[in-house]
Amino acid sequence: MGSFTRIDSNYSEIKTVSRSVPATADLDGDGNYDMVVGNKLGGLSYYKQVKNVLQSVDDIELNSASVDMYPNPTYDQVFISFKQDYENANAAIRCIDITGKELMHWTVNSKTISSLNIQSLPAGMYMIEVSIGKSRLVKKLVKINR
């Protein structure tokens, strides 16, 4: 329901009709993003990611319940807090667009509530990847205009 700024009109040489809409998620559980594109004619196209953007989880277990991200949607900043004790570990946080491109990154301490400034990003949907060691967690973030 918001307004979005076009960043690019071409992604991986995929050709679609006008007013096509992409949606991304890990549909088959392989750790890679899949993309479904719906078009104005009622059709759906499925695209499978070949390159792995995210690493596998090895050491500690990060899950949706262990990391809070709020407010969502937001227009200028988002807060990240950790509900579990990760022994004062540093967390790497990346903001990724739907093409898998890293737009911003931060290093934060897992003992504190961290404020991430996203005011310079255009309105749209992004993925926030939180990493501690080899463990990764991805949360969706919606950036809106004020």
Protein backbone atom coordinates (compact mmCIF):
# COMPACT_ATOMS: atom_id res chain seq x y z
CA MET A 1 0.00 0.00 0.00
CA GLY A 2 3.06 2.28 -0.09
CA SER A 3 4.98 3.84 -2.90
CA PHE A 4 8.20 2.24 -4.10
CA THR A 5 11.16 3.56 -6.05
CA ARG A 6 12.35 1.43 -8.96
CA ILE A 7 15.97 0.45 -8.43
CA ASP A 8 16.40 -1.63 -11.57
CA SER A 9 14.15 -2.96 -14.30
CA ASN A 10 16.23 -6.05 -15.05
CA TYR A 11 17.02 -8.95 -12.74
CA SER A 12 19.01 -11.95 -14.00
CA GLU A 13 17.81 -11.35 -17.57
CA ILE A 14 14.27 -12.44 -16.57
CA LYS A 15 11.72 -11.10 -19.05
CA THR A 16 8.13 -10.63 -17.85
CA VAL A 17 5.07 -8.69 -18.93
CA SER A 18 4.32 -5.29 -17.42
CA ARG A 19 2.91 -5.11 -13.89
CA SER A 20 4.65 -8.31 -12.80
CA VAL A 21 5.20 -8.76 -9.08
CA PRO A 22 7.96 -10.87 -7.48
CA ALA A 23 7.86 -12.66 -4.12
CA THR A 24 10.90 -14.36 -2.57
CA ALA A 25 11.21 -17.04 0.09
CA ASP A 26 12.93 -20.36 0.71
CA LEU A 27 10.08 -22.43 -0.72
CA ASP A 28 11.82 -25.80 -0.90
CA GLY A 29 13.84 -25.60 2.34
CA ASP A 30 17.28 -25.83 0.71
CA GLY A 31 18.61 -22.59 2.28
CA ASN A 32 18.46 -20.68 -1.03
CA TYR A 33 15.92 -18.11 -2.06
CA ASP A 34 13.29 -19.01 -4.62
CA MET A 35 11.29 -16.40 -6.51
CA VAL A 36 7.73 -16.57 -7.81
CA VAL A 37 6.67 -13.85 -10.25
CA GLY A 38 2.96 -13.20 -10.79
CA ASN A 39 1.83 -11.23 -13.82
CA LYS A 40 -1.24 -9.27 -14.88
CA LEU A 41 -2.37 -12.16 -17.10
CA GLY A 42 -2.75 -14.43 -14.05
CA GLY A 43 0.34 -16.54 -14.68
CA LEU A 44 3.06 -17.52 -12.21
CA SER A 45 6.72 -18.17 -12.98
CA TYR A 46 9.04 -19.99 -10.56
CA TYR A 47 12.78 -19.21 -10.38
CA LYS A 48 15.26 -21.16 -8.26
CA GLN A 49 18.40 -19.51 -6.87
CA VAL A 50 21.61 -21.15 -8.00
CA LYS A 51 24.03 -19.07 -5.92
CA ASN A 52 23.79 -19.53 -2.15
CA VAL A 53 23.49 -16.07 -0.54
CA LEU A 54 23.21 -17.43 3.02
CA GLN A 55 25.54 -19.86 4.76
CA SER A 56 24.40 -22.95 6.67
CA VAL A 57 23.89 -22.94 10.44
CA ASP A 58 26.68 -24.75 12.31
CA ASP A 59 27.56 -23.48 15.79
CA ILE A 60 24.91 -21.79 17.85
CA GLU A 61 21.26 -21.78 16.96
CA LEU A 62 19.67 -18.49 15.98
CA ASN A 63 15.91 -18.59 15.52
CA SER A 64 13.05 -16.12 15.17
CA ALA A 65 12.32 -16.33 18.88
CA SER A 66 15.91 -15.42 19.88
CA VAL A 67 16.15 -12.13 17.92
CA ASP A 68 13.66 -9.24 18.04
CA MET A 69 13.47 -6.68 15.22
CA TYR A 70 11.11 -3.74 15.65
CA PRO A 71 9.26 -1.66 14.54
CA ASN A 72 8.33 -3.39 11.32
CA PRO A 73 7.30 -1.70 9.04
CA THR A 74 9.48 1.34 9.76
CA TYR A 75 10.61 4.49 8.00
CA ASP A 76 13.97 5.51 9.51
CA GLN A 77 15.39 3.02 12.01
CA VAL A 78 14.96 -0.52 13.23
CA PHE A 79 15.99 -1.97 16.59
CA ILE A 80 17.63 -5.38 17.01
CA SER A 81 17.71 -7.12 20.39
CA PHE A 82 18.78 -10.62 21.39
CA LYS A 83 16.61 -12.57 23.84
CA GLN A 84 19.22 -15.22 24.60
CA ASP A 85 22.69 -14.90 26.14
CA TYR A 86 25.35 -15.27 23.45
CA GLU A 87 28.22 -14.55 25.89
CA ASN A 88 28.73 -10.96 24.74
CA ALA A 89 29.34 -12.08 21.13
CA ASN A 90 29.39 -9.63 18.25
CA ALA A 91 26.69 -10.08 15.63
CA ALA A 92 27.08 -9.14 11.98
CA ILE A 93 23.93 -7.67 10.47
CA ARG A 94 23.37 -7.18 6.75
CA CYS A 95 20.53 -5.49 4.89
CA ILE A 96 19.91 -7.35 1.63
CA ASP A 97 17.56 -6.45 -1.24
CA ILE A 98 15.41 -9.03 -3.08
CA THR A 99 18.21 -9.65 -5.60
CA GLY A 100 20.59 -10.72 -2.82
CA LYS A 101 22.69 -7.54 -3.00
CA GLU A 102 24.07 -6.27 0.30
CA LEU A 103 23.01 -2.65 0.79
CA MET A 104 24.18 -1.97 4.36
CA HIS A 105 26.01 -3.80 7.13
CA TRP A 106 26.65 -3.32 10.84
CA THR A 107 28.49 -5.07 13.66
CA VAL A 108 26.65 -4.98 16.98
CA ASN A 109 27.08 -6.47 20.43
CA SER A 110 24.56 -9.19 21.30
CA LYS A 111 24.20 -7.85 24.88
CA THR A 112 22.77 -4.49 23.77
CA ILE A 113 19.72 -3.23 21.91
CA SER A 114 21.06 -1.84 18.65
CA SER A 115 19.52 0.88 16.51
CA LEU A 116 20.11 0.52 12.77
CA ASN A 117 19.64 3.63 10.64
CA ILE A 118 17.91 2.73 7.34
CA GLN A 119 16.65 6.20 6.48
CA SER A 120 18.73 6.35 3.26
CA LEU A 121 17.06 3.23 1.80
CA PRO A 122 14.15 3.65 -0.62
CA ALA A 123 10.77 2.28 0.45
CA GLY A 124 10.49 -1.45 -0.21
CA MET A 125 10.98 -4.93 1.24
CA TYR A 126 14.40 -6.02 2.50
CA MET A 127 15.91 -8.99 4.27
CA ILE A 128 17.90 -8.46 7.45
CA GLU A 129 20.48 -11.20 7.98
CA VAL A 130 21.76 -11.62 11.53
CA SER A 131 24.94 -13.73 11.95
CA ILE A 132 26.82 -14.91 15.01
CA GLY A 133 29.67 -17.23 14.09
CA LYS A 134 28.34 -19.52 11.36
CA SER A 135 24.74 -19.27 12.54
CA ARG A 136 22.42 -17.16 10.35
CA LEU A 137 18.89 -15.84 10.70
CA VAL A 138 16.95 -13.84 8.12
CA LYS A 139 14.01 -11.58 8.92
CA LYS A 140 11.89 -9.58 6.49
CA LEU A 141 11.82 -5.81 6.90
CA VAL A 142 9.43 -3.36 5.24
CA LYS A 143 10.71 0.21 4.78
CA ILE A 144 7.97 2.79 4.28
CA ASN A 145 7.96 6.49 3.41
CA ARG A 146 7.15 8.89 6.19
